[in-house]
C-alpha atoms as a PDB file:
ATOM      1  CA  UNK A   1     -17.124  17.193  -1.895  1.00  0.00           C
ATOM      2  CA  UNK A   2     -15.245  16.647   1.385  1.00  0.00           C
ATOM      3  CA  UNK A   3     -11.837  15.082   1.906  1.00  0.00           C
ATOM      4  CA  UNK A   4     -13.243  11.730   3.008  1.00  0.00           C
ATOM      5  CA  UNK A   5     -15.277  11.414  -0.201  1.00  0.00           C
ATOM      6  CA  UNK A   6     -12.327  12.418  -2.382  1.00  0.00           C
ATOM      7  CA  UNK A   7      -9.831  10.071  -0.752  1.00  0.00           C
ATOM      8  CA  UNK A   8     -12.161   7.104  -0.254  1.00  0.00           C
ATOM      9  CA  UNK A   9     -10.629   4.001  -1.784  1.00  0.00           C
ATOM     10  CA  UNK A  10      -7.148   5.494  -2.206  1.00  0.00           C
ATOM     11  CA  UNK A  11      -4.695   2.912  -0.917  1.00  0.00           C
ATOM     12  CA  UNK A  12      -1.789   3.917   1.313  1.00  0.00           C
ATOM     13  CA  UNK A  13       0.892   2.308  -0.870  1.00  0.00           C
ATOM     14  CA  UNK A  14       3.795   3.320   1.407  1.00  0.00           C
ATOM     15  CA  UNK A  15       2.079   1.483   4.265  1.00  0.00           C
ATOM     16  CA  UNK A  16       1.605  -1.560   2.044  1.00  0.00           C
ATOM     17  CA  UNK A  17       5.308  -1.516   1.148  1.00  0.00           C
ATOM     18  CA  UNK A  18       6.182  -1.148   4.847  1.00  0.00           C
ATOM     19  CA  UNK A  19       4.019  -4.126   5.866  1.00  0.00           C
ATOM     20  CA  UNK A  20       5.320  -6.312   3.046  1.00  0.00           C
ATOM     21  CA  UNK A  21       8.898  -5.418   3.970  1.00  0.00           C
ATOM     22  CA  UNK A  22       8.299  -6.383   7.602  1.00  0.00           C
ATOM     23  CA  UNK A  23       6.756  -9.675   6.402  1.00  0.00           C
ATOM     24  CA  UNK A  24       9.775 -10.417   4.196  1.00  0.00           C
ATOM     25  CA  UNK A  25      12.054  -9.580   7.143  1.00  0.00           C
ATOM     26  CA  UNK A  26      10.248 -12.112   9.348  1.00  0.00           C
ATOM     27  CA  UNK A  27      10.377 -14.767   6.618  1.00  0.00           C
ATOM     28  CA  UNK A  28      14.092 -14.248   6.020  1.00  0.00           C
ATOM     29  CA  UNK A  29      14.862 -14.455   9.740  1.00  0.00           C
ATOM     30  CA  UNK A  30      12.789 -17.640   9.922  1.00  0.00           C
ATOM     31  CA  UNK A  31      14.691 -18.996   6.931  1.00  0.00           C
ATOM     32  CA  UNK A  32      18.027 -18.313   8.617  1.00  0.00           C
ATOM     33  CA  UNK A  33      16.886 -19.968  11.860  1.00  0.00           C
ATOM     34  CA  UNK A  34      15.477 -23.020  10.078  1.00  0.00           C
ATOM     35  CA  UNK A  35      18.680 -23.376   8.071  1.00  0.00           C
ATOM     36  CA  UNK A  36      20.748 -23.138  11.243  1.00  0.00           C
ATOM     37  CA  UNK A  37      18.774 -25.916  12.971  1.00  0.00           C
ATOM     38  CA  UNK A  38      18.256 -28.094   9.905  1.00  0.00           C
ATOM     39  CA  UNK A  39      21.528 -29.932  10.269  1.00  0.00           C
ATOM     40  CA  UNK A  40      22.796 -28.700   6.910  1.00  0.00           C
ATOM     41  CA  UNK A  41      26.569 -28.763   6.673  1.00  0.00           C
ATOM     42  CA  UNK A  42      27.779 -25.182   6.943  1.00  0.00           C
ATOM     43  CA  UNK A  43      30.674 -25.822   4.571  1.00  0.00           C
ATOM     44  CA  UNK A  44      28.298 -27.206   1.954  1.00  0.00           C
ATOM     45  CA  UNK A  45      26.049 -24.202   1.653  1.00  0.00           C
ATOM     46  CA  UNK A  46      24.588 -23.823   5.138  1.00  0.00           C
ATOM     47  CA  UNK A  47      26.637 -20.780   6.097  1.00  0.00           C
ATOM     48  CA  UNK A  48      26.060 -19.189   2.707  1.00  0.00           C
ATOM     49  CA  UNK A  49      22.294 -19.572   3.059  1.00  0.00           C
ATOM     50  CA  UNK A  50      22.308 -18.083   6.553  1.00  0.00           C
ATOM     51  CA  UNK A  51      24.339 -15.101   5.345  1.00  0.00           C
ATOM     52  CA  UNK A  52      22.001 -14.657   2.365  1.00  0.00           C
ATOM     53  CA  UNK A  53      18.887 -14.816   4.548  1.00  0.00           C
ATOM     54  CA  UNK A  54      20.494 -12.392   6.982  1.00  0.00           C
ATOM     55  CA  UNK A  55      21.372  -9.919   4.259  1.00  0.00           C
ATOM     56  CA  UNK A  56      17.851 -10.036   2.802  1.00  0.00           C
ATOM     57  CA  UNK A  57      16.338  -9.629   6.276  1.00  0.00           C
ATOM     58  CA  UNK A  58      18.502  -6.579   6.965  1.00  0.00           C
ATOM     59  CA  UNK A  59      17.648  -5.025   3.583  1.00  0.00           C
ATOM     60  CA  UNK A  60      13.914  -5.580   4.106  1.00  0.00           C
ATOM     61  CA  UNK A  61      14.061  -4.208   7.643  1.00  0.00           C
ATOM     62  CA  UNK A  62      15.790  -1.018   6.492  1.00  0.00           C
ATOM     63  CA  UNK A  63      13.173  -0.632   3.738  1.00  0.00           C
ATOM     64  CA  UNK A  64      10.338  -1.065   6.252  1.00  0.00           C
ATOM     65  CA  UNK A  65      11.840   1.487   8.647  1.00  0.00           C
ATOM     66  CA  UNK A  66      12.342   4.033   5.844  1.00  0.00           C
ATOM     67  CA  UNK A  67       8.722   3.664   4.751  1.00  0.00           C
ATOM     68  CA  UNK A  68       7.219   4.210   8.203  1.00  0.00           C
ATOM     69  CA  UNK A  69       7.445   8.042   8.023  1.00  0.00           C
ATOM     70  CA  UNK A  70       6.246   7.963   4.386  1.00  0.00           C
ATOM     71  CA  UNK A  71       3.166   5.991   5.407  1.00  0.00           C
ATOM     72  CA  UNK A  72       2.472   8.441   8.238  1.00  0.00           C
ATOM     73  CA  UNK A  73       2.896  11.419   5.909  1.00  0.00           C
ATOM     74  CA  UNK A  74       0.481   9.812   3.453  1.00  0.00           C
ATOM     75  CA  UNK A  75      -2.163   9.397   6.163  1.00  0.00           C
ATOM     76  CA  UNK A  76      -1.590  12.952   7.329  1.00  0.00           C
ATOM     77  CA  UNK A  77      -2.113  14.296   3.808  1.00  0.00           C
ATOM     78  CA  UNK A  78      -5.211  12.202   3.137  1.00  0.00           C
ATOM     79  CA  UNK A  79      -6.848  12.788   6.495  1.00  0.00           C
ATOM     80  CA  UNK A  80      -5.850  16.403   7.000  1.00  0.00           C
ATOM     81  CA  UNK A  81      -8.753  18.781   7.390  1.00  0.00           C
ATOM     82  CA  UNK A  82      -7.020  21.672   5.630  1.00  0.00           C
ATOM     83  CA  UNK A  83      -4.508  20.644   2.929  1.00  0.00           C
ATOM     84  CA  UNK A  84      -3.022  23.482   0.915  1.00  0.00           C
ATOM     85  CA  UNK A  85      -4.948  22.265  -2.130  1.00  0.00           C
ATOM     86  CA  UNK A  86      -7.564  19.611  -2.798  1.00  0.00           C
ATOM     87  CA  UNK A  87      -8.474  19.444  -6.478  1.00  0.00           C
ATOM     88  CA  UNK A  88     -10.588  17.242  -8.733  1.00  0.00           C
ATOM     89  CA  UNK A  89     -10.723  17.427 -12.532  1.00  0.00           C
ATOM     90  CA  UNK A  90     -12.979  17.034 -15.515  1.00  0.00           C
ATOM     91  CA  UNK A  91     -12.043  14.311 -18.005  1.00  0.00           C
ATOM     92  CA  UNK A  92     -10.882  16.970 -20.459  1.00  0.00           C
ATOM     93  CA  UNK A  93      -8.602  18.590 -17.864  1.00  0.00           C
ATOM     94  CA  UNK A  94      -7.089  15.264 -16.882  1.00  0.00           C
ATOM     95  CA  UNK A  95      -6.405  14.275 -20.485  1.00  0.00           C
ATOM     96  CA  UNK A  96      -4.797  17.669 -21.101  1.00  0.00           C
ATOM     97  CA  UNK A  97      -2.571  17.141 -18.065  1.00  0.00           C
ATOM     98  CA  UNK A  98      -1.509  13.659 -19.206  1.00  0.00           C
ATOM     99  CA  UNK A  99      -0.564  15.119 -22.583  1.00  0.00           C
ATOM    100  CA  UNK A 100       1.363  17.998 -20.987  1.00  0.00           C
ATOM    101  CA  UNK A 101       3.073  15.722 -18.453  1.00  0.00           C
ATOM    102  CA  UNK A 102       4.218  13.360 -21.206  1.00  0.00           C
ATOM    103  CA  UNK A 103       5.622  16.262 -23.231  1.00  0.00           C
ATOM    104  CA  UNK A 104       7.540  17.611 -20.218  1.00  0.00           C
ATOM    105  CA  UNK A 105       8.957  14.233 -19.251  1.00  0.00           C
ATOM    106  CA  UNK A 106      10.102  13.493 -22.792  1.00  0.00           C
ATOM    107  CA  UNK A 107      11.857  16.876 -22.976  1.00  0.00           C
ATOM    108  CA  UNK A 108      13.603  16.335 -19.612  1.00  0.00           C
ATOM    109  CA  UNK A 109      14.621  12.767 -20.515  1.00  0.00           C
ATOM    110  CA  UNK A 110      16.002  13.857 -23.872  1.00  0.00           C
ATOM    111  CA  UNK A 111      18.160  16.509 -22.224  1.00  0.00           C
ATOM    112  CA  UNK A 112      19.387  14.056 -19.583  1.00  0.00           C
ATOM    113  CA  UNK A 113      20.029  11.374 -22.191  1.00  0.00           C
ATOM    114  CA  UNK A 114      22.087  13.755 -24.327  1.00  0.00           C
ATOM    115  CA  UNK A 115      24.266  14.586 -21.336  1.00  0.00           C
ATOM    116  CA  UNK A 116      24.710  10.906 -20.435  1.00  0.00           C
ATOM    117  CA  UNK A 117      25.600  10.024 -24.038  1.00  0.00           C
ATOM    118  CA  UNK A 118      28.247  12.758 -24.157  1.00  0.00           C
ATOM    119  CA  UNK A 119      29.775  11.645 -20.836  1.00  0.00           C
ATOM    120  CA  UNK A 120      29.648   7.983 -21.898  1.00  0.00           C
ATOM    121  CA  UNK A 121      31.366   8.704 -25.196  1.00  0.00           C
ATOM    122  CA  UNK A 122      34.109  10.716 -23.500  1.00  0.00           C
ATOM    123  CA  UNK A 123      34.693   7.997 -20.881  1.00  0.00           C
ATOM    124  CA  UNK A 124      34.595   5.307 -23.575  1.00  0.00           C
ATOM    125  CA  UNK A 125      37.103   7.187 -25.720  1.00  0.00           C
ATOM    126  CA  UNK A 126      39.491   7.597 -22.774  1.00  0.00           C
ATOM    127  CA  UNK A 127      39.247   3.905 -21.857  1.00  0.00           C
ATOM    128  CA  UNK A 128      39.754   2.921 -25.498  1.00  0.00           C
ATOM    129  CA  UNK A 129      42.879   5.051 -25.758  1.00  0.00           C
ATOM    130  CA  UNK A 130      44.294   3.685 -22.509  1.00  0.00           C
ATOM    131  CA  UNK A 131      43.531  -0.026 -22.927  1.00  0.00           C
ATOM    132  CA  UNK A 132      43.276  -0.346 -26.730  1.00  0.00           C
ATOM    133  CA  UNK A 133      40.363  -2.776 -26.357  1.00  0.00           C
ATOM    134  CA  UNK A 134      37.407  -2.528 -28.759  1.00  0.00           C
ATOM    135  CA  UNK A 135      35.226  -4.235 -26.165  1.00  0.00           C
ATOM    136  CA  UNK A 136      34.727  -0.823 -24.545  1.00  0.00           C
ATOM    137  CA  UNK A 137      32.914   0.324 -27.699  1.00  0.00           C
ATOM    138  CA  UNK A 138      30.358  -2.457 -27.275  1.00  0.00           C
ATOM    139  CA  UNK A 139      29.991  -1.737 -23.545  1.00  0.00           C
ATOM    140  CA  UNK A 140      29.373   1.992 -24.074  1.00  0.00           C
ATOM    141  CA  UNK A 141      26.997   1.268 -26.965  1.00  0.00           C
ATOM    142  CA  UNK A 142      25.069  -1.162 -24.759  1.00  0.00           C
ATOM    143  CA  UNK A 143      24.805   1.374 -21.927  1.00  0.00           C
ATOM    144  CA  UNK A 144      23.581   4.091 -24.298  1.00  0.00           C
ATOM    145  CA  UNK A 145      21.033   1.716 -25.847  1.00  0.00           C
ATOM    146  CA  UNK A 146      19.718   0.645 -22.446  1.00  0.00           C
ATOM    147  CA  UNK A 147      19.397   4.231 -21.206  1.00  0.00           C
ATOM    148  CA  UNK A 148      17.684   5.245 -24.454  1.00  0.00           C
ATOM    149  CA  UNK A 149      15.081   2.506 -24.016  1.00  0.00           C
ATOM    150  CA  UNK A 150      14.465   3.600 -20.413  1.00  0.00           C
ATOM    151  CA  UNK A 151      14.198   7.269 -21.436  1.00  0.00           C
ATOM    152  CA  UNK A 152      11.662   6.313 -24.124  1.00  0.00           C
ATOM    153  CA  UNK A 153       9.539   3.973 -22.009  1.00  0.00           C
ATOM    154  CA  UNK A 154       9.461   5.764 -18.629  1.00  0.00           C
ATOM    155  CA  UNK A 155       7.257   8.729 -19.695  1.00  0.00           C
ATOM    156  CA  UNK A 156       4.828   6.428 -21.485  1.00  0.00           C
ATOM    157  CA  UNK A 157       4.568   4.069 -18.519  1.00  0.00           C
ATOM    158  CA  UNK A 158       3.800   7.052 -16.292  1.00  0.00           C
ATOM    159  CA  UNK A 159       1.118   8.226 -18.737  1.00  0.00           C
ATOM    160  CA  UNK A 160      -0.426   4.761 -18.665  1.00  0.00           C
ATOM    161  CA  UNK A 161      -0.672   4.839 -14.872  1.00  0.00           C
ATOM    162  CA  UNK A 162      -2.049   8.389 -14.890  1.00  0.00           C
ATOM    163  CA  UNK A 163      -4.810   7.300 -17.260  1.00  0.00           C
ATOM    164  CA  UNK A 164      -5.771   4.544 -14.824  1.00  0.00           C
ATOM    165  CA  UNK A 165      -5.239   6.667 -11.699  1.00  0.00           C
ATOM    166  CA  UNK A 166      -7.754   8.582  -9.641  1.00  0.00           C
ATOM    167  CA  UNK A 167      -8.299  12.099 -10.983  1.00  0.00           C
ATOM    168  CA  UNK A 168      -7.513  13.810  -7.698  1.00  0.00           C
ATOM    169  CA  UNK A 169      -4.649  15.943  -6.355  1.00  0.00           C
ATOM    170  CA  UNK A 170      -3.872  16.874  -2.775  1.00  0.00           C
ATOM    171  CA  UNK A 171      -1.015  19.169  -1.783  1.00  0.00           C
ATOM    172  CA  UNK A 172       0.256  19.552   1.757  1.00  0.00           C
ATOM    173  CA  UNK A 173       3.202  21.372   3.275  1.00  0.00           C
ATOM    174  CA  UNK A 174       5.381  18.233   3.146  1.00  0.00           C
ATOM    175  CA  UNK A 175       3.831  15.958   0.533  1.00  0.00           C
ATOM    176  CA  UNK A 176       1.648  15.753  -2.552  1.00  0.00           C
ATOM    177  CA  UNK A 177      -0.579  13.172  -4.212  1.00  0.00           C
ATOM    178  CA  UNK A 178      -1.583  13.237  -7.881  1.00  0.00           C
ATOM    179  CA  UNK A 179      -3.327  10.533  -9.861  1.00  0.00           C
ATOM    180  CA  UNK A 180      -2.123   7.714  -7.612  1.00  0.00           C
ATOM    181  CA  UNK A 181       1.447   8.993  -7.213  1.00  0.00           C
ATOM    182  CA  UNK A 182       2.554  10.066  -3.726  1.00  0.00           C
ATOM    183  CA  UNK A 183       5.747  12.015  -3.033  1.00  0.00           C
ATOM    184  CA  UNK A 184       7.197  13.812  -0.048  1.00  0.00           C
ATOM    185  CA  UNK A 185      10.100  16.267   0.034  1.00  0.00           C
ATOM    186  CA  UNK A 186      11.106  16.298   3.686  1.00  0.00           C
ATOM    187  CA  UNK A 187      12.616  12.835   4.265  1.00  0.00           C
ATOM    188  CA  UNK A 188      15.957  11.098   3.703  1.00  0.00           C
ATOM    189  CA  UNK A 189      17.789  14.369   3.259  1.00  0.00           C
ATOM    190  CA  UNK A 190      15.343  15.773   0.690  1.00  0.00           C
ATOM    191  CA  UNK A 191      14.741  19.503   0.545  1.00  0.00           C
ATOM    192  CA  UNK A 192      12.613  21.868  -1.519  1.00  0.00           C
ATOM    193  CA  UNK A 193      14.495  23.943  -4.096  1.00  0.00           C
ATOM    194  CA  UNK A 194      11.740  25.586  -6.124  1.00  0.00           C
ATOM    195  CA  UNK A 195       8.067  25.831  -7.007  1.00  0.00           C
ATOM    196  CA  UNK A 196       6.224  27.595  -9.809  1.00  0.00           C
ATOM    197  CA  UNK A 197       3.237  27.360 -12.135  1.00  0.00           C
ATOM    198  CA  UNK A 198       3.803  26.493 -15.789  1.00  0.00           C
ATOM    199  CA  UNK A 199       1.089  28.149 -17.864  1.00  0.00           C
ATOM    200  CA  UNK A 200       2.269  27.640 -21.445  1.00  0.00           C
ATOM    201  CA  UNK A 201       0.470  24.311 -22.006  1.00  0.00           C
ATOM    202  CA  UNK A 202      -3.152  23.308 -22.442  1.00  0.00           C
ATOM    203  CA  UNK A 203      -3.609  23.293 -18.665  1.00  0.00           C
ATOM    204  CA  UNK A 204      -1.631  25.120 -15.950  1.00  0.00           C
ATOM    205  CA  UNK A 205       0.716  22.789 -14.065  1.00  0.00           C
ATOM    206  CA  UNK A 206       2.059  23.396 -10.561  1.00  0.00           C
ATOM    207  CA  UNK A 207       5.710  22.353 -10.269  1.00  0.00           C
ATOM    208  CA  UNK A 208       7.178  21.359  -6.914  1.00  0.00           C
ATOM    209  CA  UNK A 209      10.919  20.793  -7.286  1.00  0.00           C
ATOM    210  CA  UNK A 210      13.028  19.074  -4.653  1.00  0.00           C
ATOM    211  CA  UNK A 211      16.444  17.448  -4.410  1.00  0.00           C
ATOM    212  CA  UNK A 212      17.736  14.502  -2.421  1.00  0.00           C
ATOM    213  CA  UNK A 213      21.126  12.809  -1.999  1.00  0.00           C
ATOM    214  CA  UNK A 214      21.925   9.504  -3.720  1.00  0.00           C
ATOM    215  CA  UNK A 215      25.048   7.396  -4.098  1.00  0.00           C
ATOM    216  CA  UNK A 216      25.613   9.074  -7.479  1.00  0.00           C
ATOM    217  CA  UNK A 217      25.187  12.592  -6.076  1.00  0.00           C
ATOM    218  CA  UNK A 218      22.282  14.987  -5.639  1.00  0.00           C
ATOM    219  CA  UNK A 219      19.227  14.084  -7.725  1.00  0.00           C
ATOM    220  CA  UNK A 220      16.391  16.432  -8.641  1.00  0.00           C
ATOM    221  CA  UNK A 221      12.717  15.472  -8.826  1.00  0.00           C
ATOM    222  CA  UNK A 222       9.781  17.479 -10.173  1.00  0.00           C
ATOM    223  CA  UNK A 223       6.246  16.887  -8.930  1.00  0.00           C
ATOM    224  CA  UNK A 224       3.717  17.980 -11.559  1.00  0.00           C
ATOM    225  CA  UNK A 225       0.210  18.820 -10.393  1.00  0.00           C
ATOM    226  CA  UNK A 226      -2.468  20.086 -12.806  1.00  0.00           C
ATOM    227  CA  UNK A 227      -4.379  23.183 -11.765  1.00  0.00           C
ATOM    228  CA  UNK A 228      -8.104  22.883 -12.577  1.00  0.00           C
ATOM    229  CA  UNK A 229     -10.225  25.747 -13.878  1.00  0.00           C
ATOM    230  CA  UNK A 230     -10.913  28.427 -11.285  1.00  0.00           C
ATOM    231  CA  UNK A 231      -8.101  27.326  -8.940  1.00  0.00           C
ATOM    232  CA  UNK A 232      -5.215  29.567 -10.023  1.00  0.00           C
ATOM    233  CA  UNK A 233      -5.515  31.742  -6.918  1.00  0.00           C
ATOM    234  CA  UNK A 234      -5.204  28.624  -4.738  1.00  0.00           C
ATOM    235  CA  UNK A 235      -2.215  27.470  -6.806  1.00  0.00           C
ATOM    236  CA  UNK A 236      -0.479  30.833  -6.337  1.00  0.00           C
ATOM    237  CA  UNK A 237      -1.131  30.586  -2.598  1.00  0.00           C
ATOM    238  CA  UNK A 238       0.451  27.106  -2.567  1.00  0.00           C
ATOM    239  CA  UNK A 239       3.528  28.509  -4.341  1.00  0.00           C
ATOM    240  CA  UNK A 240       3.718  31.337  -1.799  1.00  0.00           C
ATOM    241  CA  UNK A 241       3.515  28.961   1.192  1.00  0.00           C
ATOM    242  CA  UNK A 242       5.942  26.376  -0.168  1.00  0.00           C
ATOM    243  CA  UNK A 243       8.456  29.014  -1.237  1.00  0.00           C
ATOM    244  CA  UNK A 244       8.938  29.851   2.450  1.00  0.00           C
ATOM    245  CA  UNK A 245      10.452  26.360   2.911  1.00  0.00           C
ATOM    246  CA  UNK A 246      13.250  27.052   0.439  1.00  0.00           C
ATOM    247  CA  UNK A 247      16.491  27.868   2.197  1.00  0.00           C
END
């Protein structure tokens, strides 16, 4: 099966986001212009609307610009003649991967949640001692509850989408696609920090680990890609090639 057959029907979601963002930008600019020429009193909401439209237009434009290289990287991965890996799966392999992926995500989320709960409790205790206000107890409890719900739901939502996704993986030198999920590790300050093959589960899983800066600090992301039967040599070759990118 060639690349065109494998990738037929796979939508370039980054390009869709880019186009929608440009459309929203145009609509917001039009809204600001119409408001400006509508005769609406600026002191009675006109100026506020123009500022709001302008802010939304700027936000959408930045989003569109950021997604341009992602859309190009997606096309490059899908249309490339020689990706590092191009794998399809049996139904049994895909179900095993979904099960393994869910288990990994739950374990990671539990560890992260424990850390967040500890930090939240310490911060809450300090604030309570300083301000003597029991409201902080409710605030911290609410934050912990919200994060717990997210930690519980996120892995299951991902499993739901994997079940509905195309049972195909492609790995390139800068991006990967698995089951409908596309990620790249070379944009917006992202950089590769590790790659390995986890072999303790029902199916081997290739891990591609990268980090990227956020307002809260450096965040780590793990791309999980199942390795089908007979493809371990290819997976080891992918690890060897990607490891050269790690600084």
